[in-house]
Amino acid sequence: MKFFLDSANFKEIEEAHSWGVVSGVTTNPSLVSKEKGPFDEIVKKICNLMPDCPVSVEVLSTVSGGMVEEAHRLAALADNVVIKIPMGAEGLKAVHRLSTEGKKVPCNVTLVFSANQALLASRAGAAYVSPFIGRIDDIGWDGTDLVKNIMNIFTCHELDTKVIAASIRHPLHVEQVAAAGAHIATVPFSVLGQMSRHPLTDLGIERFLADWGKTRQEERI
């Protein structure tokens, strides 16, 4: 399973990229609104920070024609832009046009909450679908089961669309979607940091350093 970073913050993206574990970035209007500067300039800088990786950028229009127009404008900002399209009839129309007309534009269908939605998005031509597991957990359902069902369907029917487990809230979510077979998990920087740490690792380092210091002190006596 690959990792994408769910962030529009330049420092977070640079730091996570330096770890060598991140293969892409996903953004949304909420994340971008937290950063300073014109929207297009923020997108360009993120794409420059991750030049060989897909960067998902979301449209704001709610009708297919507007989505397609926005998508072409955003895709022109950098070669690695992927267009996030919200799930729905208008979104499916936009994805179909973007994946078949003229210069094809890769799409990531977002706000997916059912296997039916994921299947429709794939058939419309989506390069990625993003089931939101945290928000599903919030209403008492099991987001990991949704990822598992989508993966089973896509495997059964040999669909090429990649599944991005989104709305990741904690490290356990990452383990669960990895076990469910998700192609990608898009993870906030805070969760990525939590994944790298464990109290026993910290304790082990402390003990090793203490033992080393004790040994060196005894040698000097």
N, C-alpha and C. Protein backbone atom coordinates (compact mmCIF):
# COMPACT_ATOMS: atom_id res chain seq x y z
N MET A 1 0.84 -1.19 0.00
CA MET A 1 0.00 0.00 0.00
C MET A 1 0.88 1.25 0.00
N LYS A 2 0.54 2.21 -0.85
CA LYS A 2 1.27 3.46 -0.91
C LYS A 2 0.66 4.47 0.06
N PHE A 3 1.47 5.49 0.37
CA PHE A 3 0.99 6.59 1.22
C PHE A 3 0.95 7.88 0.43
N PHE A 4 -0.17 8.58 0.52
CA PHE A 4 -0.28 9.97 0.10
C PHE A 4 -0.38 10.81 1.36
N LEU A 5 0.07 12.07 1.28
CA LEU A 5 -0.06 12.98 2.41
C LEU A 5 -1.28 13.85 2.18
N ASP A 6 -2.17 13.90 3.16
CA ASP A 6 -3.38 14.70 3.08
C ASP A 6 -3.10 16.07 3.69
N SER A 7 -2.61 16.99 2.87
CA SER A 7 -2.15 18.27 3.40
C SER A 7 -1.93 19.26 2.26
N ALA A 8 -2.02 20.55 2.59
CA ALA A 8 -1.63 21.60 1.65
C ALA A 8 -0.54 22.47 2.27
N ASN A 9 0.01 22.02 3.39
CA ASN A 9 1.02 22.78 4.11
C ASN A 9 2.42 22.45 3.57
N PHE A 10 3.14 23.48 3.11
CA PHE A 10 4.42 23.25 2.46
C PHE A 10 5.44 22.57 3.38
N LYS A 11 5.51 23.00 4.64
CA LYS A 11 6.49 22.42 5.57
C LYS A 11 6.20 20.94 5.81
N GLU A 12 4.90 20.62 5.98
CA GLU A 12 4.54 19.22 6.19
C GLU A 12 4.90 18.38 4.97
N ILE A 13 4.62 18.90 3.79
CA ILE A 13 4.89 18.16 2.56
C ILE A 13 6.39 17.93 2.38
N GLU A 14 7.18 18.98 2.61
CA GLU A 14 8.63 18.85 2.48
C GLU A 14 9.18 17.83 3.47
N GLU A 15 8.73 17.91 4.73
CA GLU A 15 9.22 17.00 5.75
C GLU A 15 8.84 15.56 5.45
N ALA A 16 7.57 15.33 5.12
CA ALA A 16 7.12 13.96 4.83
C ALA A 16 7.82 13.40 3.60
N HIS A 17 8.04 14.24 2.60
CA HIS A 17 8.72 13.80 1.38
C HIS A 17 10.14 13.36 1.70
N SER A 18 10.79 14.04 2.66
CA SER A 18 12.17 13.71 3.01
C SER A 18 12.29 12.34 3.68
N TRP A 19 11.19 11.83 4.20
CA TRP A 19 11.21 10.50 4.83
C TRP A 19 11.27 9.38 3.79
N GLY A 20 10.90 9.68 2.56
CA GLY A 20 10.95 8.68 1.51
C GLY A 20 9.78 7.71 1.50
N VAL A 21 8.67 8.09 2.15
CA VAL A 21 7.54 7.16 2.25
C VAL A 21 6.28 7.67 1.54
N VAL A 22 6.30 8.90 1.07
CA VAL A 22 5.11 9.51 0.50
C VAL A 22 5.18 9.49 -1.02
N SER A 23 4.10 9.02 -1.65
CA SER A 23 4.06 8.87 -3.11
C SER A 23 3.08 9.83 -3.78
N GLY A 24 2.48 10.74 -3.02
CA GLY A 24 1.52 11.67 -3.59
C GLY A 24 0.96 12.58 -2.52
N VAL A 25 0.15 13.54 -2.95
CA VAL A 25 -0.48 14.50 -2.04
C VAL A 25 -1.94 14.64 -2.42
N THR A 26 -2.80 14.73 -1.40
CA THR A 26 -4.21 15.06 -1.65
C THR A 26 -4.53 16.35 -0.90
N THR A 27 -5.26 17.22 -1.56
CA THR A 27 -5.71 18.45 -0.93
C THR A 27 -7.23 18.55 -1.09
N ASN A 28 -7.81 19.50 -0.40
CA ASN A 28 -9.23 19.82 -0.59
C ASN A 28 -9.39 21.31 -0.26
N PRO A 29 -10.53 21.90 -0.57
CA PRO A 29 -10.70 23.34 -0.32
C PRO A 29 -10.46 23.73 1.13
N SER A 30 -10.83 22.87 2.09
CA SER A 30 -10.62 23.19 3.50
C SER A 30 -9.13 23.27 3.83
N LEU A 31 -8.35 22.33 3.32
CA LEU A 31 -6.91 22.33 3.59
C LEU A 31 -6.22 23.53 2.95
N VAL A 32 -6.58 23.82 1.71
CA VAL A 32 -5.94 24.93 1.00
C VAL A 32 -6.30 26.27 1.65
N SER A 33 -7.52 26.37 2.17
CA SER A 33 -7.96 27.63 2.78
C SER A 33 -7.14 28.00 4.01
N LYS A 34 -6.46 27.03 4.62
CA LYS A 34 -5.63 27.29 5.80
C LYS A 34 -4.28 27.90 5.45
N GLU A 35 -3.91 27.84 4.17
CA GLU A 35 -2.59 28.33 3.76
C GLU A 35 -2.70 29.73 3.16
N LYS A 36 -1.61 30.48 3.22
CA LYS A 36 -1.59 31.85 2.73
C LYS A 36 -1.18 31.88 1.26
N GLY A 37 -1.85 32.74 0.49
CA GLY A 37 -1.48 32.93 -0.90
C GLY A 37 -2.59 32.56 -1.86
N PRO A 38 -2.47 32.98 -3.12
CA PRO A 38 -3.46 32.63 -4.14
C PRO A 38 -3.54 31.12 -4.35
N PHE A 39 -4.73 30.64 -4.60
CA PHE A 39 -4.97 29.20 -4.75
C PHE A 39 -4.05 28.58 -5.79
N ASP A 40 -3.99 29.19 -6.98
CA ASP A 40 -3.18 28.61 -8.05
C ASP A 40 -1.71 28.53 -7.68
N GLU A 41 -1.21 29.53 -6.96
CA GLU A 41 0.20 29.53 -6.57
C GLU A 41 0.48 28.44 -5.54
N ILE A 42 -0.46 28.21 -4.65
CA ILE A 42 -0.31 27.13 -3.67
C ILE A 42 -0.23 25.79 -4.39
N VAL A 43 -1.12 25.59 -5.35
CA VAL A 43 -1.13 24.34 -6.11
C VAL A 43 0.19 24.14 -6.85
N LYS A 44 0.67 25.19 -7.51
CA LYS A 44 1.92 25.10 -8.26
C LYS A 44 3.09 24.73 -7.35
N LYS A 45 3.14 25.35 -6.17
CA LYS A 45 4.27 25.08 -5.27
C LYS A 45 4.22 23.64 -4.76
N ILE A 46 3.03 23.16 -4.42
CA ILE A 46 2.91 21.77 -3.97
C ILE A 46 3.37 20.82 -5.07
N CYS A 47 2.94 21.09 -6.30
CA CYS A 47 3.34 20.24 -7.43
C CYS A 47 4.84 20.28 -7.65
N ASN A 48 5.45 21.44 -7.43
CA ASN A 48 6.90 21.56 -7.57
C ASN A 48 7.64 20.81 -6.47
N LEU A 49 7.05 20.78 -5.27
CA LEU A 49 7.67 20.05 -4.17
C LEU A 49 7.63 18.54 -4.40
N MET A 50 6.62 18.08 -5.13
CA MET A 50 6.44 16.65 -5.40
C MET A 50 6.31 16.44 -6.91
N PRO A 51 7.34 16.75 -7.68
CA PRO A 51 7.21 16.80 -9.13
C PRO A 51 6.89 15.47 -9.81
N ASP A 52 7.27 14.38 -9.18
CA ASP A 52 7.06 13.06 -9.79
C ASP A 52 5.88 12.32 -9.17
N CYS A 53 5.07 13.03 -8.40
CA CYS A 53 3.98 12.39 -7.66
C CYS A 53 2.64 13.06 -8.00
N PRO A 54 1.54 12.30 -7.99
CA PRO A 54 0.23 12.90 -8.24
C PRO A 54 -0.20 13.81 -7.09
N VAL A 55 -0.76 14.96 -7.45
CA VAL A 55 -1.27 15.92 -6.47
C VAL A 55 -2.74 16.17 -6.77
N SER A 56 -3.62 15.73 -5.88
CA SER A 56 -5.05 15.89 -6.09
C SER A 56 -5.51 17.28 -5.68
N VAL A 57 -6.21 17.95 -6.60
CA VAL A 57 -6.73 19.30 -6.38
C VAL A 57 -8.22 19.29 -6.72
N GLU A 58 -9.04 19.81 -5.80
CA GLU A 58 -10.49 19.66 -5.94
C GLU A 58 -11.15 20.86 -6.63
N VAL A 59 -12.13 20.57 -7.48
CA VAL A 59 -12.93 21.61 -8.11
C VAL A 59 -13.97 22.12 -7.12
N LEU A 60 -14.48 23.32 -7.39
CA LEU A 60 -15.49 23.93 -6.52
C LEU A 60 -16.88 23.94 -7.15
N SER A 61 -16.95 23.81 -8.46
CA SER A 61 -18.24 23.83 -9.15
C SER A 61 -19.08 22.61 -8.75
N THR A 62 -20.39 22.75 -8.85
CA THR A 62 -21.30 21.63 -8.54
C THR A 62 -22.03 21.11 -9.76
N VAL A 63 -21.71 21.66 -10.94
CA VAL A 63 -22.32 21.19 -12.19
C VAL A 63 -21.22 20.69 -13.11
N SER A 64 -21.54 19.74 -13.95
CA SER A 64 -20.51 19.05 -14.73
C SER A 64 -19.73 19.98 -15.65
N GLY A 65 -20.44 20.90 -16.31
CA GLY A 65 -19.75 21.81 -17.21
C GLY A 65 -18.72 22.66 -16.49
N GLY A 66 -19.10 23.18 -15.34
CA GLY A 66 -18.18 23.97 -14.54
C GLY A 66 -17.03 23.15 -14.02
N MET A 67 -17.30 21.91 -13.62
CA MET A 67 -16.24 21.03 -13.15
C MET A 67 -15.21 20.78 -14.25
N VAL A 68 -15.68 20.53 -15.45
CA VAL A 68 -14.78 20.26 -16.57
C VAL A 68 -13.94 21.49 -16.88
N GLU A 69 -14.56 22.65 -16.87
CA GLU A 69 -13.83 23.89 -17.14
C GLU A 69 -12.77 24.12 -16.08
N GLU A 70 -13.12 23.97 -14.81
CA GLU A 70 -12.14 24.12 -13.72
C GLU A 70 -11.02 23.11 -13.85
N ALA A 71 -11.40 21.88 -14.18
CA ALA A 71 -10.42 20.79 -14.27
C ALA A 71 -9.34 21.10 -15.30
N HIS A 72 -9.76 21.58 -16.45
CA HIS A 72 -8.78 21.89 -17.50
C HIS A 72 -7.86 23.04 -17.07
N ARG A 73 -8.41 24.02 -16.36
CA ARG A 73 -7.59 25.13 -15.89
C ARG A 73 -6.58 24.65 -14.85
N LEU A 74 -7.04 23.83 -13.91
CA LEU A 74 -6.15 23.34 -12.87
C LEU A 74 -5.11 22.38 -13.43
N ALA A 75 -5.51 21.54 -14.35
CA ALA A 75 -4.57 20.58 -14.94
C ALA A 75 -3.45 21.28 -15.70
N ALA A 76 -3.72 22.49 -16.18
CA ALA A 76 -2.71 23.25 -16.91
C ALA A 76 -1.65 23.85 -15.99
N LEU A 77 -1.88 23.83 -14.68
CA LEU A 77 -0.93 24.41 -13.74
C LEU A 77 0.33 23.57 -13.60
N ALA A 78 0.19 22.25 -13.73
CA ALA A 78 1.33 21.34 -13.58
C ALA A 78 0.98 19.99 -14.18
N ASP A 79 2.00 19.25 -14.61
CA ASP A 79 1.76 17.97 -15.27
C ASP A 79 1.28 16.88 -14.30
N ASN A 80 1.50 17.08 -13.00
CA ASN A 80 1.16 16.03 -12.05
C ASN A 80 -0.13 16.30 -11.28
N VAL A 81 -0.96 17.23 -11.76
CA VAL A 81 -2.24 17.52 -11.11
C VAL A 81 -3.24 16.41 -11.42
N VAL A 82 -3.92 15.95 -10.38
CA VAL A 82 -5.07 15.05 -10.49
C VAL A 82 -6.29 15.83 -10.00
N ILE A 83 -7.40 15.72 -10.71
CA ILE A 83 -8.56 16.53 -10.37
C ILE A 83 -9.50 15.74 -9.46
N LYS A 84 -9.78 16.31 -8.29
CA LYS A 84 -10.76 15.71 -7.38
C LYS A 84 -12.15 16.18 -7.77
N ILE A 85 -13.02 15.21 -7.98
CA ILE A 85 -14.41 15.48 -8.38
C ILE A 85 -15.33 14.88 -7.32
N PRO A 86 -16.27 15.64 -6.78
CA PRO A 86 -17.20 15.07 -5.79
C PRO A 86 -18.15 14.06 -6.44
N MET A 87 -18.45 13.01 -5.71
CA MET A 87 -19.35 11.97 -6.19
C MET A 87 -20.76 12.53 -6.40
N GLY A 88 -21.44 12.00 -7.40
CA GLY A 88 -22.80 12.43 -7.74
C GLY A 88 -22.99 12.37 -9.23
N ALA A 89 -24.20 12.55 -9.70
CA ALA A 89 -24.49 12.46 -11.13
C ALA A 89 -23.68 13.48 -11.92
N GLU A 90 -23.62 14.73 -11.43
CA GLU A 90 -22.86 15.75 -12.13
C GLU A 90 -21.37 15.41 -12.14
N GLY A 91 -20.90 14.88 -11.03
CA GLY A 91 -19.50 14.48 -10.96
C GLY A 91 -19.18 13.36 -11.94
N LEU A 92 -20.07 12.39 -12.06
CA LEU A 92 -19.85 11.28 -12.99
C LEU A 92 -19.80 11.79 -14.42
N LYS A 93 -20.67 12.72 -14.76
CA LYS A 93 -20.64 13.31 -16.11
C LYS A 93 -19.28 13.96 -16.38
N ALA A 94 -18.80 14.70 -15.40
CA ALA A 94 -17.52 15.39 -15.56
C ALA A 94 -16.38 14.40 -15.71
N VAL A 95 -16.36 13.38 -14.87
CA VAL A 95 -15.31 12.37 -14.93
C VAL A 95 -15.31 11.69 -16.30
N HIS A 96 -16.48 11.35 -16.78
CA HIS A 96 -16.58 10.69 -18.08
C HIS A 96 -16.00 11.58 -19.19
N ARG A 97 -16.35 12.85 -19.17
CA ARG A 97 -15.83 13.77 -20.20
C ARG A 97 -14.32 13.93 -20.08
N LEU A 98 -13.85 14.12 -18.86
CA LEU A 98 -12.42 14.35 -18.65
C LEU A 98 -11.57 13.13 -18.99
N SER A 99 -12.15 11.95 -18.88
CA SER A 99 -11.39 10.72 -19.14
C SER A 99 -11.49 10.25 -20.58
N THR A 100 -12.33 10.91 -21.38
CA THR A 100 -12.52 10.44 -22.76
C THR A 100 -12.32 11.52 -23.82
N GLU A 101 -12.51 12.79 -23.47
CA GLU A 101 -12.46 13.86 -24.47
C GLU A 101 -11.09 14.51 -24.54
N GLY A 102 -10.57 14.66 -25.76
CA GLY A 102 -9.34 15.40 -25.97
C GLY A 102 -8.19 14.90 -25.11
N LYS A 103 -7.48 15.85 -24.47
CA LYS A 103 -6.40 15.49 -23.57
C LYS A 103 -7.01 14.98 -22.27
N LYS A 104 -6.81 13.70 -22.00
CA LYS A 104 -7.42 13.08 -20.83
C LYS A 104 -6.84 13.67 -19.54
N VAL A 105 -7.71 13.89 -18.57
CA VAL A 105 -7.32 14.43 -17.28
C VAL A 105 -7.63 13.39 -16.21
N PRO A 106 -6.64 12.92 -15.44
CA PRO A 106 -6.91 11.92 -14.39
C PRO A 106 -7.77 12.51 -13.28
N CYS A 107 -8.76 11.71 -12.82
CA CYS A 107 -9.70 12.18 -11.80
C CYS A 107 -9.68 11.29 -10.57
N ASN A 108 -9.87 11.93 -9.43
CA ASN A 108 -10.00 11.27 -8.15
C ASN A 108 -11.40 11.59 -7.63
N VAL A 109 -12.29 10.61 -7.64
CA VAL A 109 -13.66 10.85 -7.19
C VAL A 109 -13.69 10.77 -5.67
N THR A 110 -14.08 11.89 -5.06
CA THR A 110 -14.02 12.03 -3.61
C THR A 110 -15.42 11.97 -2.99
N LEU A 111 -15.46 11.91 -1.65
CA LEU A 111 -16.71 11.80 -0.90
C LEU A 111 -17.50 10.56 -1.31
N VAL A 112 -16.78 9.44 -1.37
CA VAL A 112 -17.39 8.14 -1.66
C VAL A 112 -17.73 7.46 -0.34
N PHE A 113 -18.99 7.02 -0.21
CA PHE A 113 -19.45 6.40 1.03
C PHE A 113 -20.13 5.05 0.82
N SER A 114 -20.08 4.52 -0.40
CA SER A 114 -20.66 3.20 -0.65
C SER A 114 -19.91 2.52 -1.78
N ALA A 115 -19.99 1.19 -1.82
CA ALA A 115 -19.36 0.44 -2.90
C ALA A 115 -20.03 0.75 -4.23
N ASN A 116 -21.33 1.00 -4.23
CA ASN A 116 -22.02 1.37 -5.46
C ASN A 116 -21.45 2.66 -6.05
N GLN A 117 -21.22 3.65 -5.19
CA GLN A 117 -20.64 4.89 -5.67
C GLN A 117 -19.25 4.66 -6.26
N ALA A 118 -18.45 3.84 -5.59
CA ALA A 118 -17.11 3.54 -6.08
C ALA A 118 -17.16 2.84 -7.43
N LEU A 119 -18.08 1.92 -7.59
CA LEU A 119 -18.20 1.18 -8.85
C LEU A 119 -18.63 2.12 -9.98
N LEU A 120 -19.58 2.99 -9.71
CA LEU A 120 -20.01 3.95 -10.72
C LEU A 120 -18.86 4.87 -11.13
N ALA A 121 -18.11 5.34 -10.15
CA ALA A 121 -16.99 6.23 -10.44
C ALA A 121 -15.95 5.54 -11.31
N SER A 122 -15.68 4.29 -11.00
CA SER A 122 -14.71 3.55 -11.79
C SER A 122 -15.18 3.38 -13.23
N ARG A 123 -16.44 3.03 -13.39
CA ARG A 123 -16.99 2.83 -14.74
C ARG A 123 -17.05 4.15 -15.52
N ALA A 124 -17.15 5.26 -14.81
CA ALA A 124 -17.18 6.56 -15.48
C ALA A 124 -15.79 6.96 -15.99
N GLY A 125 -14.75 6.31 -15.44
CA GLY A 125 -13.39 6.58 -15.90
C GLY A 125 -12.45 7.14 -14.86
N ALA A 126 -12.83 7.07 -13.58
CA ALA A 126 -11.98 7.63 -12.51
C ALA A 126 -10.67 6.86 -12.40
N ALA A 127 -9.58 7.61 -12.24
CA ALA A 127 -8.28 6.98 -11.97
C ALA A 127 -8.19 6.53 -10.51
N TYR A 128 -8.88 7.27 -9.62
CA TYR A 128 -8.89 6.98 -8.20
C TYR A 128 -10.30 7.16 -7.64
N VAL A 129 -10.63 6.40 -6.60
CA VAL A 129 -11.83 6.67 -5.80
C VAL A 129 -11.40 6.77 -4.35
N SER A 130 -12.05 7.68 -3.61
CA SER A 130 -11.65 7.95 -2.22
C SER A 130 -12.80 7.71 -1.25
N PRO A 131 -12.92 6.49 -0.71
CA PRO A 131 -13.89 6.25 0.36
C PRO A 131 -13.43 6.90 1.66
N PHE A 132 -14.35 7.59 2.34
CA PHE A 132 -14.03 8.34 3.55
C PHE A 132 -14.34 7.49 4.78
N ILE A 133 -13.35 6.75 5.26
CA ILE A 133 -13.64 5.76 6.30
C ILE A 133 -13.91 6.40 7.66
N GLY A 134 -13.22 7.49 7.98
CA GLY A 134 -13.43 8.13 9.28
C GLY A 134 -14.84 8.67 9.42
N ARG A 135 -15.35 9.29 8.38
CA ARG A 135 -16.70 9.84 8.43
C ARG A 135 -17.75 8.73 8.49
N ILE A 136 -17.44 7.58 7.89
CA ILE A 136 -18.36 6.45 7.98
C ILE A 136 -18.38 5.90 9.40
N ASP A 137 -17.20 5.80 10.01
CA ASP A 137 -17.14 5.38 11.41
C ASP A 137 -17.95 6.32 12.30
N ASP A 138 -17.95 7.61 11.96
CA ASP A 138 -18.64 8.61 12.77
C ASP A 138 -20.14 8.35 12.88
N ILE A 139 -20.72 7.72 11.86
CA ILE A 139 -22.17 7.46 11.89
C ILE A 139 -22.49 6.03 12.32
N GLY A 140 -21.48 5.34 12.88
CA GLY A 140 -21.72 4.02 13.45
C GLY A 140 -21.56 2.86 12.50
N TRP A 141 -21.10 3.12 11.27
CA TRP A 141 -20.82 2.04 10.33
C TRP A 141 -19.33 1.74 10.36
N ASP A 142 -18.89 0.77 9.56
CA ASP A 142 -17.48 0.36 9.56
C ASP A 142 -16.82 0.78 8.25
N GLY A 143 -15.98 1.82 8.32
CA GLY A 143 -15.32 2.31 7.12
C GLY A 143 -14.36 1.31 6.52
N THR A 144 -13.71 0.51 7.36
CA THR A 144 -12.77 -0.48 6.85
C THR A 144 -13.49 -1.55 6.04
N ASP A 145 -14.68 -1.95 6.48
CA ASP A 145 -15.46 -2.92 5.71
C ASP A 145 -15.80 -2.38 4.33
N LEU A 146 -16.07 -1.08 4.25
CA LEU A 146 -16.35 -0.49 2.95
C LEU A 146 -15.15 -0.62 2.03
N VAL A 147 -13.96 -0.32 2.52
CA VAL A 147 -12.75 -0.45 1.71
C VAL A 147 -12.58 -1.90 1.25
N LYS A 148 -12.82 -2.82 2.16
CA LYS A 148 -12.68 -4.24 1.83
C LYS A 148 -13.67 -4.64 0.73
N ASN A 149 -14.91 -4.17 0.83
CA ASN A 149 -15.93 -4.50 -0.18
C ASN A 149 -15.56 -3.92 -1.53
N ILE A 150 -15.10 -2.67 -1.53
CA ILE A 150 -14.71 -2.04 -2.80
C ILE A 150 -13.55 -2.80 -3.43
N MET A 151 -12.56 -3.17 -2.63
CA MET A 151 -11.42 -3.91 -3.16
C MET A 151 -11.85 -5.25 -3.73
N ASN A 152 -12.76 -5.93 -3.06
CA ASN A 152 -13.24 -7.23 -3.56
C ASN A 152 -13.93 -7.06 -4.91
N ILE A 153 -14.76 -6.03 -5.03
CA ILE A 153 -15.48 -5.78 -6.28
C ILE A 153 -14.51 -5.41 -7.40
N PHE A 154 -13.58 -4.52 -7.12
CA PHE A 154 -12.63 -4.08 -8.15
C PHE A 154 -11.75 -5.24 -8.60
N THR A 155 -11.34 -6.09 -7.65
CA THR A 155 -10.52 -7.25 -8.00
C THR A 155 -11.32 -8.25 -8.84
N CYS A 156 -12.55 -8.51 -8.42
CA CYS A 156 -13.41 -9.47 -9.12
C CYS A 156 -13.63 -9.06 -10.57
N HIS A 157 -13.81 -7.77 -10.79
CA HIS A 157 -14.13 -7.28 -12.14
C HIS A 157 -12.92 -6.67 -12.85
N GLU A 158 -11.74 -6.84 -12.25
CA GLU A 158 -10.48 -6.43 -12.86
C GLU A 158 -10.50 -4.96 -13.27
N LEU A 159 -10.93 -4.12 -12.36
CA LEU A 159 -10.98 -2.68 -12.60
C LEU A 159 -9.64 -2.04 -12.25
N ASP A 160 -9.20 -1.09 -13.06
CA ASP A 160 -7.89 -0.48 -12.87
C ASP A 160 -7.90 0.69 -11.89
N THR A 161 -9.07 1.18 -11.53
CA THR A 161 -9.18 2.33 -10.63
C THR A 161 -8.53 2.01 -9.28
N LYS A 162 -7.70 2.94 -8.80
CA LYS A 162 -7.03 2.75 -7.52
C LYS A 162 -7.90 3.27 -6.37
N VAL A 163 -7.89 2.54 -5.27
CA VAL A 163 -8.69 2.91 -4.10
C VAL A 163 -7.80 3.64 -3.09
N ILE A 164 -8.20 4.90 -2.80
CA ILE A 164 -7.50 5.71 -1.80
C ILE A 164 -8.34 5.75 -0.53
N ALA A 165 -7.90 5.10 0.52
CA ALA A 165 -8.60 5.19 1.80
C ALA A 165 -8.36 6.58 2.38
N ALA A 166 -9.45 7.34 2.55
CA ALA A 166 -9.35 8.73 2.99
C ALA A 166 -10.05 8.92 4.32
N SER A 167 -9.96 10.13 4.86
CA SER A 167 -10.52 10.44 6.17
C SER A 167 -9.92 9.53 7.23
N ILE A 168 -8.61 9.38 7.16
CA ILE A 168 -7.85 8.57 8.13
C ILE A 168 -7.70 9.37 9.42
N ARG A 169 -8.09 8.78 10.54
CA ARG A 169 -8.10 9.52 11.80
C ARG A 169 -6.95 9.12 12.75
N HIS A 170 -6.43 7.91 12.62
CA HIS A 170 -5.42 7.43 13.57
C HIS A 170 -4.65 6.26 12.95
N PRO A 171 -3.52 5.87 13.56
CA PRO A 171 -2.70 4.80 12.99
C PRO A 171 -3.43 3.48 12.81
N LEU A 172 -4.38 3.15 13.68
CA LEU A 172 -5.11 1.90 13.53
C LEU A 172 -5.88 1.87 12.22
N HIS A 173 -6.42 3.02 11.82
CA HIS A 173 -7.08 3.09 10.52
C HIS A 173 -6.14 2.64 9.40
N VAL A 174 -4.89 3.08 9.49
CA VAL A 174 -3.91 2.75 8.45
C VAL A 174 -3.69 1.24 8.41
N GLU A 175 -3.50 0.63 9.56
CA GLU A 175 -3.32 -0.82 9.61
C GLU A 175 -4.53 -1.54 9.03
N GLN A 176 -5.71 -1.06 9.36
CA GLN A 176 -6.93 -1.73 8.92
C GLN A 176 -7.12 -1.66 7.42
N VAL A 177 -6.88 -0.49 6.83
CA VAL A 177 -7.09 -0.38 5.38
C VAL A 177 -5.98 -1.09 4.62
N ALA A 178 -4.78 -1.16 5.21
CA ALA A 178 -3.70 -1.94 4.57
C ALA A 178 -4.08 -3.41 4.53
N ALA A 179 -4.62 -3.91 5.65
CA ALA A 179 -5.05 -5.31 5.70
C ALA A 179 -6.23 -5.56 4.78
N ALA A 180 -7.06 -4.52 4.54
CA ALA A 180 -8.21 -4.66 3.65
C ALA A 180 -7.81 -4.60 2.18
N GLY A 181 -6.54 -4.26 1.92
CA GLY A 181 -6.05 -4.30 0.54
C GLY A 181 -6.07 -2.98 -0.20
N ALA A 182 -6.32 -1.86 0.49
CA ALA A 182 -6.36 -0.56 -0.19
C ALA A 182 -5.06 -0.32 -0.95
N HIS A 183 -5.19 0.26 -2.13
CA HIS A 183 -3.99 0.59 -2.91
C HIS A 183 -3.20 1.71 -2.25
N ILE A 184 -3.93 2.67 -1.66
CA ILE A 184 -3.32 3.89 -1.13
C ILE A 184 -4.07 4.30 0.14
N ALA A 185 -3.36 4.87 1.09
CA ALA A 185 -3.99 5.57 2.22
C ALA A 185 -3.48 7.00 2.19
N THR A 186 -4.40 7.96 2.21
CA THR A 186 -3.97 9.35 2.30
C THR A 186 -4.08 9.79 3.75
N VAL A 187 -2.96 10.19 4.30
CA VAL A 187 -2.80 10.30 5.76
C VAL A 187 -2.40 11.72 6.15
N PRO A 188 -3.04 12.30 7.16
CA PRO A 188 -2.57 13.60 7.68
C PRO A 188 -1.16 13.48 8.24
N PHE A 189 -0.43 14.59 8.25
CA PHE A 189 0.94 14.57 8.73
C PHE A 189 1.02 14.11 10.18
N SER A 190 0.05 14.51 11.00
CA SER A 190 0.07 14.13 12.41
C SER A 190 -0.02 12.62 12.58
N VAL A 191 -0.84 11.97 11.77
CA VAL A 191 -0.97 10.51 11.85
C VAL A 191 0.30 9.84 11.34
N LEU A 192 0.88 10.38 10.28
CA LEU A 192 2.13 9.82 9.76
C LEU A 192 3.20 9.85 10.85
N GLY A 193 3.24 10.94 11.60
CA GLY A 193 4.20 11.04 12.69
C GLY A 193 3.93 10.02 13.79
N GLN A 194 2.65 9.84 14.12
CA GLN A 194 2.27 8.85 15.13
C GLN A 194 2.68 7.44 14.72
N MET A 195 2.58 7.16 13.44
CA MET A 195 2.94 5.83 12.94
C MET A 195 4.41 5.53 13.12
N SER A 196 5.24 6.57 13.11
CA SER A 196 6.69 6.36 13.20
C SER A 196 7.17 6.16 14.63
N ARG A 197 6.27 6.40 15.59
CA ARG A 197 6.70 6.36 16.99
C ARG A 197 6.05 5.19 17.75
N HIS A 198 6.75 4.77 18.81
CA HIS A 198 6.20 3.77 19.74
C HIS A 198 6.92 3.95 21.07
N PRO A 199 6.22 3.88 22.18
CA PRO A 199 6.88 4.09 23.48
C PRO A 199 8.00 3.09 23.75
N LEU A 200 7.87 1.86 23.25
CA LEU A 200 8.94 0.88 23.47
C LEU A 200 10.18 1.21 22.65
N THR A 201 9.99 1.82 21.49
CA THR A 201 11.14 2.28 20.72
C THR A 201 11.88 3.37 21.49
N ASP A 202 11.14 4.33 22.03
CA ASP A 202 11.76 5.41 22.81
C ASP A 202 12.49 4.85 24.03
N LEU A 203 11.84 3.90 24.69
CA LEU A 203 12.46 3.30 25.88
C LEU A 203 13.73 2.54 25.51
N GLY A 204 13.67 1.83 24.39
CA GLY A 204 14.84 1.08 23.94
C GLY A 204 16.02 1.99 23.66
N ILE A 205 15.77 3.13 23.00
CA ILE A 205 16.85 4.08 22.72
C ILE A 205 17.44 4.62 24.01
N GLU A 206 16.56 4.97 24.97
CA GLU A 206 17.04 5.48 26.25
C GLU A 206 17.94 4.47 26.96
N ARG A 207 17.53 3.20 26.92
CA ARG A 207 18.32 2.17 27.60
C ARG A 207 19.66 1.95 26.91
N PHE A 208 19.64 1.93 25.57
CA PHE A 208 20.89 1.75 24.83
C PHE A 208 21.87 2.87 25.15
N LEU A 209 21.37 4.11 25.15
CA LEU A 209 22.24 5.25 25.43
C LEU A 209 22.74 5.24 26.87
N ALA A 210 21.85 4.83 27.80
CA ALA A 210 22.26 4.76 29.20
C ALA A 210 23.34 3.69 29.40
N ASP A 211 23.16 2.53 28.76
CA ASP A 211 24.14 1.46 28.88
C ASP A 211 25.47 1.88 28.27
N TRP A 212 25.40 2.56 27.12
CA TRP A 212 26.63 3.02 26.47
C TRP A 212 27.35 4.04 27.35
N GLY A 213 26.59 4.97 27.91
CA GLY A 213 27.20 5.98 28.78
C GLY A 213 27.84 5.36 30.01
N LYS A 214 27.18 4.35 30.56
CA LYS A 214 27.71 3.68 31.74
C LYS A 214 29.01 2.96 31.41
N THR A 215 29.03 2.28 30.27
CA THR A 215 30.22 1.54 29.86
C THR A 215 31.40 2.47 29.65
N ARG A 216 31.16 3.60 28.95
CA ARG A 216 32.24 4.54 28.67
C ARG A 216 32.75 5.17 29.97
N GLN A 217 31.84 5.39 30.94
CA GLN A 217 32.26 5.97 32.22
C GLN A 217 33.16 4.98 32.96
N GLU A 218 32.80 3.70 32.96
CA GLU A 218 33.59 2.67 33.64
C GLU A 218 34.97 2.54 33.01
N GLU A 219 35.05 2.74 31.69
CA GLU A 219 36.35 2.63 31.01
C GLU A 219 37.29 3.75 31.44
N ARG A 220 36.70 4.92 31.75
CA ARG A 220 37.52 6.05 32.14
C ARG A 220 38.03 5.94 33.58
N ILE A 221 37.36 5.12 34.40
CA ILE A 221 37.76 4.99 35.82
C ILE A 221 39.03 4.14 35.95
